[in-house]
């Protein structure tokens, strides 16, 4: 995993747990045949592709918050 990509992605998704979850889910998608949404002239690992997608704003995530009705 490229250190420079990781540092740039951490500026976008500051919570390390969320970043790990977003990247690992995307790596699984790429592993099972999803096409990357970014292009690179160099050969990148799946993890680096996922980080680059975060950096370029191609991956979005949404936090789940339980409403008051669901917690009762």
PDB file of N, CA and C in Angstrom:
ATOM      1  N   UNK A   1       0.846  -1.170   0.000  1.00  0.00           N
ATOM      2  CA  UNK A   1       0.000   0.000   0.000  1.00  0.00           C
ATOM      3  C   UNK A   1       0.897   1.240   0.000  1.00  0.00           C
ATOM      4  N   UNK A   2       0.571   2.166  -0.891  1.00  0.00           N
ATOM      5  CA  UNK A   2       1.398   3.369  -1.000  1.00  0.00           C
ATOM      6  C   UNK A   2       1.100   4.331   0.141  1.00  0.00           C
ATOM      7  N   UNK A   3       2.142   4.734   0.818  1.00  0.00           N
ATOM      8  CA  UNK A   3       2.021   5.609   1.984  1.00  0.00           C
ATOM      9  C   UNK A   3       1.437   6.974   1.597  1.00  0.00           C
ATOM     10  N   UNK A   4       1.839   7.502   0.435  1.00  0.00           N
ATOM     11  CA  UNK A   4       1.338   8.812   0.024  1.00  0.00           C
ATOM     12  C   UNK A   4      -0.163   8.772  -0.259  1.00  0.00           C
ATOM     13  N   UNK A   5      -0.666   7.693  -0.833  1.00  0.00           N
ATOM     14  CA  UNK A   5      -2.105   7.554  -1.065  1.00  0.00           C
ATOM     15  C   UNK A   5      -2.843   7.470   0.270  1.00  0.00           C
ATOM     16  N   UNK A   6      -2.291   6.718   1.204  1.00  0.00           N
ATOM     17  CA  UNK A   6      -2.918   6.558   2.510  1.00  0.00           C
ATOM     18  C   UNK A   6      -3.033   7.907   3.220  1.00  0.00           C
ATOM     19  N   UNK A   7      -1.981   8.687   3.211  1.00  0.00           N
ATOM     20  CA  UNK A   7      -2.004   9.998   3.883  1.00  0.00           C
ATOM     21  C   UNK A   7      -3.009  10.936   3.225  1.00  0.00           C
ATOM     22  N   UNK A   8      -3.087  10.914   1.902  1.00  0.00           N
ATOM     23  CA  UNK A   8      -4.055  11.761   1.204  1.00  0.00           C
ATOM     24  C   UNK A   8      -5.487  11.331   1.493  1.00  0.00           C
ATOM     25  N   UNK A   9      -5.722  10.022   1.539  1.00  0.00           N
ATOM     26  CA  UNK A   9      -7.064   9.504   1.821  1.00  0.00           C
ATOM     27  C   UNK A   9      -7.480   9.819   3.251  1.00  0.00           C
ATOM     28  N   UNK A  10      -6.516   9.839   4.183  1.00  0.00           N
ATOM     29  CA  UNK A  10      -6.822  10.154   5.579  1.00  0.00           C
ATOM     30  C   UNK A  10      -7.252  11.607   5.750  1.00  0.00           C
ATOM     31  N   UNK A  11      -6.882  12.468   4.833  1.00  0.00           N
ATOM     32  CA  UNK A  11      -7.342  13.853   4.884  1.00  0.00           C
ATOM     33  C   UNK A  11      -8.806  13.954   4.481  1.00  0.00           C
ATOM     34  N   UNK A  12      -9.273  13.007   3.686  1.00  0.00           N
ATOM     35  CA  UNK A  12     -10.656  13.024   3.203  1.00  0.00           C
ATOM     36  C   UNK A  12     -11.571  12.271   4.168  1.00  0.00           C
ATOM     37  N   UNK A  13     -11.157  11.069   4.562  1.00  0.00           N
ATOM     38  CA  UNK A  13     -11.902  10.294   5.556  1.00  0.00           C
ATOM     39  C   UNK A  13     -11.012  10.231   6.787  1.00  0.00           C
ATOM     40  N   UNK A  14     -11.304  11.097   7.752  1.00  0.00           N
ATOM     41  CA  UNK A  14     -10.394  11.272   8.884  1.00  0.00           C
ATOM     42  C   UNK A  14     -10.475  10.153   9.918  1.00  0.00           C
ATOM     43  N   UNK A  15     -11.598   9.481  10.023  1.00  0.00           N
ATOM     44  CA  UNK A  15     -11.739   8.383  10.977  1.00  0.00           C
ATOM     45  C   UNK A  15     -11.088   7.133  10.383  1.00  0.00           C
ATOM     46  N   UNK A  16     -10.026   6.616  11.016  1.00  0.00           N
ATOM     47  CA  UNK A  16      -9.324   5.461  10.432  1.00  0.00           C
ATOM     48  C   UNK A  16     -10.194   4.211  10.308  1.00  0.00           C
ATOM     49  N   UNK A  17     -11.127   4.020  11.227  1.00  0.00           N
ATOM     50  CA  UNK A  17     -12.000   2.845  11.145  1.00  0.00           C
ATOM     51  C   UNK A  17     -12.911   2.910   9.923  1.00  0.00           C
ATOM     52  N   UNK A  18     -13.434   4.081   9.657  1.00  0.00           N
ATOM     53  CA  UNK A  18     -14.303   4.251   8.491  1.00  0.00           C
ATOM     54  C   UNK A  18     -13.490   4.083   7.211  1.00  0.00           C
ATOM     55  N   UNK A  19     -12.293   4.662   7.175  1.00  0.00           N
ATOM     56  CA  UNK A  19     -11.430   4.525   5.995  1.00  0.00           C
ATOM     57  C   UNK A  19     -11.122   3.060   5.721  1.00  0.00           C
ATOM     58  N   UNK A  20     -10.795   2.311   6.753  1.00  0.00           N
ATOM     59  CA  UNK A  20     -10.508   0.875   6.598  1.00  0.00           C
ATOM     60  C   UNK A  20     -11.720   0.149   6.033  1.00  0.00           C
ATOM     61  N   UNK A  21     -12.901   0.456   6.557  1.00  0.00           N
ATOM     62  CA  UNK A  21     -14.112  -0.224   6.093  1.00  0.00           C
ATOM     63  C   UNK A  21     -14.438   0.124   4.647  1.00  0.00           C
ATOM     64  N   UNK A  22     -14.308   1.394   4.289  1.00  0.00           N
ATOM     65  CA  UNK A  22     -14.599   1.823   2.913  1.00  0.00           C
ATOM     66  C   UNK A  22     -13.633   1.156   1.937  1.00  0.00           C
ATOM     67  N   UNK A  23     -12.346   1.202   2.266  1.00  0.00           N
ATOM     68  CA  UNK A  23     -11.330   0.633   1.375  1.00  0.00           C
ATOM     69  C   UNK A  23     -11.487  -0.885   1.271  1.00  0.00           C
ATOM     70  N   UNK A  24     -11.694  -1.563   2.398  1.00  0.00           N
ATOM     71  CA  UNK A  24     -11.790  -3.029   2.348  1.00  0.00           C
ATOM     72  C   UNK A  24     -13.026  -3.484   1.577  1.00  0.00           C
ATOM     73  N   UNK A  25     -14.124  -2.757   1.724  1.00  0.00           N
ATOM     74  CA  UNK A  25     -15.326  -3.121   0.959  1.00  0.00           C
ATOM     75  C   UNK A  25     -15.091  -2.922  -0.535  1.00  0.00           C
ATOM     76  N   UNK A  26     -14.419  -1.821  -0.888  1.00  0.00           N
ATOM     77  CA  UNK A  26     -14.143  -1.559  -2.299  1.00  0.00           C
ATOM     78  C   UNK A  26     -13.168  -2.573  -2.880  1.00  0.00           C
ATOM     79  N   UNK A  27     -12.172  -2.984  -2.085  1.00  0.00           N
ATOM     80  CA  UNK A  27     -11.215  -4.004  -2.538  1.00  0.00           C
ATOM     81  C   UNK A  27     -11.957  -5.301  -2.855  1.00  0.00           C
ATOM     82  N   UNK A  28     -12.912  -5.670  -2.011  1.00  0.00           N
ATOM     83  CA  UNK A  28     -13.703  -6.877  -2.279  1.00  0.00           C
ATOM     84  C   UNK A  28     -14.470  -6.741  -3.590  1.00  0.00           C
ATOM     85  N   UNK A  29     -15.055  -5.570  -3.817  1.00  0.00           N
ATOM     86  CA  UNK A  29     -15.789  -5.349  -5.064  1.00  0.00           C
ATOM     87  C   UNK A  29     -14.864  -5.466  -6.268  1.00  0.00           C
ATOM     88  N   UNK A  30     -13.683  -4.867  -6.165  1.00  0.00           N
ATOM     89  CA  UNK A  30     -12.714  -4.941  -7.263  1.00  0.00           C
ATOM     90  C   UNK A  30     -12.245  -6.376  -7.492  1.00  0.00           C
ATOM     91  N   UNK A  31     -12.049  -7.095  -6.405  1.00  0.00           N
ATOM     92  CA  UNK A  31     -11.590  -8.483  -6.492  1.00  0.00           C
ATOM     93  C   UNK A  31     -12.614  -9.364  -7.208  1.00  0.00           C
ATOM     94  N   UNK A  32     -13.901  -9.035  -7.034  1.00  0.00           N
ATOM     95  CA  UNK A  32     -14.947  -9.841  -7.655  1.00  0.00           C
ATOM     96  C   UNK A  32     -15.408  -9.291  -9.003  1.00  0.00           C
ATOM     97  N   UNK A  33     -14.622  -8.374  -9.587  1.00  0.00           N
ATOM     98  CA  UNK A  33     -14.879  -8.003 -10.961  1.00  0.00           C
ATOM     99  C   UNK A  33     -15.354  -6.597 -11.243  1.00  0.00           C
ATOM    100  N   UNK A  34     -15.598  -5.795 -10.222  1.00  0.00           N
ATOM    101  CA  UNK A  34     -15.979  -4.404 -10.476  1.00  0.00           C
ATOM    102  C   UNK A  34     -14.830  -3.669 -11.151  1.00  0.00           C
ATOM    103  N   UNK A  35     -15.166  -2.774 -12.027  1.00  0.00           N
ATOM    104  CA  UNK A  35     -14.135  -2.015 -12.736  1.00  0.00           C
ATOM    105  C   UNK A  35     -13.725  -0.798 -11.904  1.00  0.00           C
ATOM    106  N   UNK A  36     -12.441  -0.484 -11.913  1.00  0.00           N
ATOM    107  CA  UNK A  36     -11.983   0.723 -11.212  1.00  0.00           C
ATOM    108  C   UNK A  36     -12.588   1.978 -11.845  1.00  0.00           C
ATOM    109  N   UNK A  37     -12.831   2.989 -11.031  1.00  0.00           N
ATOM    110  CA  UNK A  37     -13.383   4.249 -11.525  1.00  0.00           C
ATOM    111  C   UNK A  37     -12.291   5.277 -11.792  1.00  0.00           C
ATOM    112  N   UNK A  38     -11.041   4.894 -11.570  1.00  0.00           N
ATOM    113  CA  UNK A  38      -9.899   5.771 -11.850  1.00  0.00           C
ATOM    114  C   UNK A  38      -8.921   5.030 -12.750  1.00  0.00           C
ATOM    115  N   UNK A  39      -8.146   5.796 -13.484  1.00  0.00           N
ATOM    116  CA  UNK A  39      -7.120   5.203 -14.342  1.00  0.00           C
ATOM    117  C   UNK A  39      -5.748   5.581 -13.826  1.00  0.00           C
ATOM    118  N   UNK A  40      -4.788   4.683 -14.029  1.00  0.00           N
ATOM    119  CA  UNK A  40      -3.421   4.956 -13.623  1.00  0.00           C
ATOM    120  C   UNK A  40      -2.480   4.369 -14.665  1.00  0.00           C
ATOM    121  N   UNK A  41      -1.402   5.063 -14.903  1.00  0.00           N
ATOM    122  CA  UNK A  41      -0.414   4.568 -15.859  1.00  0.00           C
ATOM    123  C   UNK A  41       0.454   3.469 -15.254  1.00  0.00           C
ATOM    124  N   UNK A  42       0.497   3.394 -13.940  1.00  0.00           N
ATOM    125  CA  UNK A  42       1.297   2.371 -13.280  1.00  0.00           C
ATOM    126  C   UNK A  42       0.403   1.249 -12.765  1.00  0.00           C
ATOM    127  N   UNK A  43       0.999   0.116 -12.512  1.00  0.00           N
ATOM    128  CA  UNK A  43       0.280  -1.044 -11.979  1.00  0.00           C
ATOM    129  C   UNK A  43       0.080  -0.840 -10.483  1.00  0.00           C
ATOM    130  N   UNK A  44      -1.176  -0.770 -10.053  1.00  0.00           N
ATOM    131  CA  UNK A  44      -1.499  -0.537  -8.649  1.00  0.00           C
ATOM    132  C   UNK A  44      -2.164  -1.756  -8.033  1.00  0.00           C
ATOM    133  N   UNK A  45      -1.953  -1.931  -6.744  1.00  0.00           N
ATOM    134  CA  UNK A  45      -2.658  -2.991  -6.019  1.00  0.00           C
ATOM    135  C   UNK A  45      -4.123  -2.576  -5.872  1.00  0.00           C
ATOM    136  N   UNK A  46      -4.980  -3.511  -5.523  1.00  0.00           N
ATOM    137  CA  UNK A  46      -6.393  -3.201  -5.337  1.00  0.00           C
ATOM    138  C   UNK A  46      -6.591  -2.186  -4.220  1.00  0.00           C
ATOM    139  N   UNK A  47      -5.779  -2.280  -3.172  1.00  0.00           N
ATOM    140  CA  UNK A  47      -5.856  -1.337  -2.062  1.00  0.00           C
ATOM    141  C   UNK A  47      -5.519   0.079  -2.531  1.00  0.00           C
ATOM    142  N   UNK A  48      -4.484   0.187  -3.354  1.00  0.00           N
ATOM    143  CA  UNK A  48      -4.095   1.499  -3.869  1.00  0.00           C
ATOM    144  C   UNK A  48      -5.153   2.073  -4.797  1.00  0.00           C
ATOM    145  N   UNK A  49      -5.787   1.224  -5.584  1.00  0.00           N
ATOM    146  CA  UNK A  49      -6.870   1.688  -6.458  1.00  0.00           C
ATOM    147  C   UNK A  49      -8.012   2.240  -5.602  1.00  0.00           C
ATOM    148  N   UNK A  50      -8.384   1.525  -4.550  1.00  0.00           N
ATOM    149  CA  UNK A  50      -9.465   1.977  -3.668  1.00  0.00           C
ATOM    150  C   UNK A  50      -9.097   3.292  -2.988  1.00  0.00           C
ATOM    151  N   UNK A  51      -7.860   3.421  -2.531  1.00  0.00           N
ATOM    152  CA  UNK A  51      -7.424   4.679  -1.913  1.00  0.00           C
ATOM    153  C   UNK A  51      -7.454   5.820  -2.923  1.00  0.00           C
ATOM    154  N   UNK A  52      -7.022   5.553  -4.139  1.00  0.00           N
ATOM    155  CA  UNK A  52      -7.031   6.570  -5.186  1.00  0.00           C
ATOM    156  C   UNK A  52      -8.461   6.996  -5.515  1.00  0.00           C
ATOM    157  N   UNK A  53      -9.384   6.057  -5.480  1.00  0.00           N
ATOM    158  CA  UNK A  53     -10.788   6.390  -5.709  1.00  0.00           C
ATOM    159  C   UNK A  53     -11.318   7.298  -4.600  1.00  0.00           C
ATOM    160  N   UNK A  54     -10.897   7.064  -3.370  1.00  0.00           N
ATOM    161  CA  UNK A  54     -11.278   7.944  -2.261  1.00  0.00           C
ATOM    162  C   UNK A  54     -10.702   9.337  -2.494  1.00  0.00           C
ATOM    163  N   UNK A  55      -9.427   9.405  -2.847  1.00  0.00           N
ATOM    164  CA  UNK A  55      -8.740  10.681  -3.060  1.00  0.00           C
ATOM    165  C   UNK A  55      -9.411  11.486  -4.172  1.00  0.00           C
ATOM    166  N   UNK A  56      -9.778  10.820  -5.245  1.00  0.00           N
ATOM    167  CA  UNK A  56     -10.375  11.495  -6.410  1.00  0.00           C
ATOM    168  C   UNK A  56     -11.863  11.792  -6.224  1.00  0.00           C
ATOM    169  N   UNK A  57     -12.424  11.383  -5.089  1.00  0.00           N
ATOM    170  CA  UNK A  57     -13.838  11.645  -4.823  1.00  0.00           C
ATOM    171  C   UNK A  57     -14.781  10.713  -5.540  1.00  0.00           C
ATOM    172  N   UNK A  58     -14.295   9.565  -5.977  1.00  0.00           N
ATOM    173  CA  UNK A  58     -15.127   8.605  -6.705  1.00  0.00           C
ATOM    174  C   UNK A  58     -15.896   7.674  -5.766  1.00  0.00           C
ATOM    175  N   UNK A  59     -15.460   7.578  -4.515  1.00  0.00           N
ATOM    176  CA  UNK A  59     -16.143   6.737  -3.534  1.00  0.00           C
ATOM    177  C   UNK A  59     -16.808   7.620  -2.503  1.00  0.00           C
ATOM    178  N   UNK A  60     -18.036   7.348  -2.239  1.00  0.00           N
ATOM    179  CA  UNK A  60     -18.782   8.056  -1.208  1.00  0.00           C
ATOM    180  C   UNK A  60     -19.219   7.039  -0.164  1.00  0.00           C
ATOM    181  N   UNK A  61     -19.424   7.525   1.034  1.00  0.00           N
ATOM    182  CA  UNK A  61     -19.920   6.646   2.083  1.00  0.00           C
ATOM    183  C   UNK A  61     -20.949   7.402   2.893  1.00  0.00           C
ATOM    184  N   UNK A  62     -21.786   6.655   3.588  1.00  0.00           N
ATOM    185  CA  UNK A  62     -22.838   7.252   4.390  1.00  0.00           C
ATOM    186  C   UNK A  62     -22.861   6.529   5.727  1.00  0.00           C
ATOM    187  N   UNK A  63     -22.862   7.297   6.806  1.00  0.00           N
ATOM    188  CA  UNK A  63     -22.913   6.693   8.132  1.00  0.00           C
ATOM    189  C   UNK A  63     -24.360   6.401   8.492  1.00  0.00           C
ATOM    190  N   UNK A  64     -24.590   5.251   9.075  1.00  0.00           N
ATOM    191  CA  UNK A  64     -25.918   4.858   9.506  1.00  0.00           C
ATOM    192  C   UNK A  64     -26.149   5.377  10.909  1.00  0.00           C
ATOM    193  N   UNK A  65     -27.234   6.086  11.102  1.00  0.00           N
ATOM    194  CA  UNK A  65     -27.617   6.523  12.441  1.00  0.00           C
ATOM    195  C   UNK A  65     -29.036   6.053  12.692  1.00  0.00           C
ATOM    196  N   UNK A  66     -29.214   5.359  13.777  1.00  0.00           N
ATOM    197  CA  UNK A  66     -30.525   4.835  14.124  1.00  0.00           C
ATOM    198  C   UNK A  66     -31.426   5.987  14.562  1.00  0.00           C
ATOM    199  N   UNK A  67     -32.634   6.012  14.050  1.00  0.00           N
ATOM    200  CA  UNK A  67     -33.585   7.042  14.474  1.00  0.00           C
ATOM    201  C   UNK A  67     -34.139   6.668  15.831  1.00  0.00           C
ATOM    202  N   UNK A  68     -34.784   7.618  16.466  1.00  0.00           N
ATOM    203  CA  UNK A  68     -35.350   7.374  17.799  1.00  0.00           C
ATOM    204  C   UNK A  68     -36.394   6.264  17.779  1.00  0.00           C
ATOM    205  N   UNK A  69     -37.137   6.157  16.672  1.00  0.00           N
ATOM    206  CA  UNK A  69     -38.170   5.127  16.569  1.00  0.00           C
ATOM    207  C   UNK A  69     -37.564   3.734  16.546  1.00  0.00           C
ATOM    208  N   UNK A  70     -36.387   3.591  15.943  1.00  0.00           N
ATOM    209  CA  UNK A  70     -35.776   2.273  15.810  1.00  0.00           C
ATOM    210  C   UNK A  70     -35.087   1.814  17.080  1.00  0.00           C
ATOM    211  N   UNK A  71     -34.733   2.713  17.971  1.00  0.00           N
ATOM    212  CA  UNK A  71     -33.997   2.338  19.178  1.00  0.00           C
ATOM    213  C   UNK A  71     -34.917   1.901  20.294  1.00  0.00           C
ATOM    214  N   UNK A  72     -36.212   2.132  20.176  1.00  0.00           N
ATOM    215  CA  UNK A  72     -37.146   1.735  21.238  1.00  0.00           C
ATOM    216  C   UNK A  72     -37.641   0.339  21.072  1.00  0.00           C
TER     217      UNK A  72
END
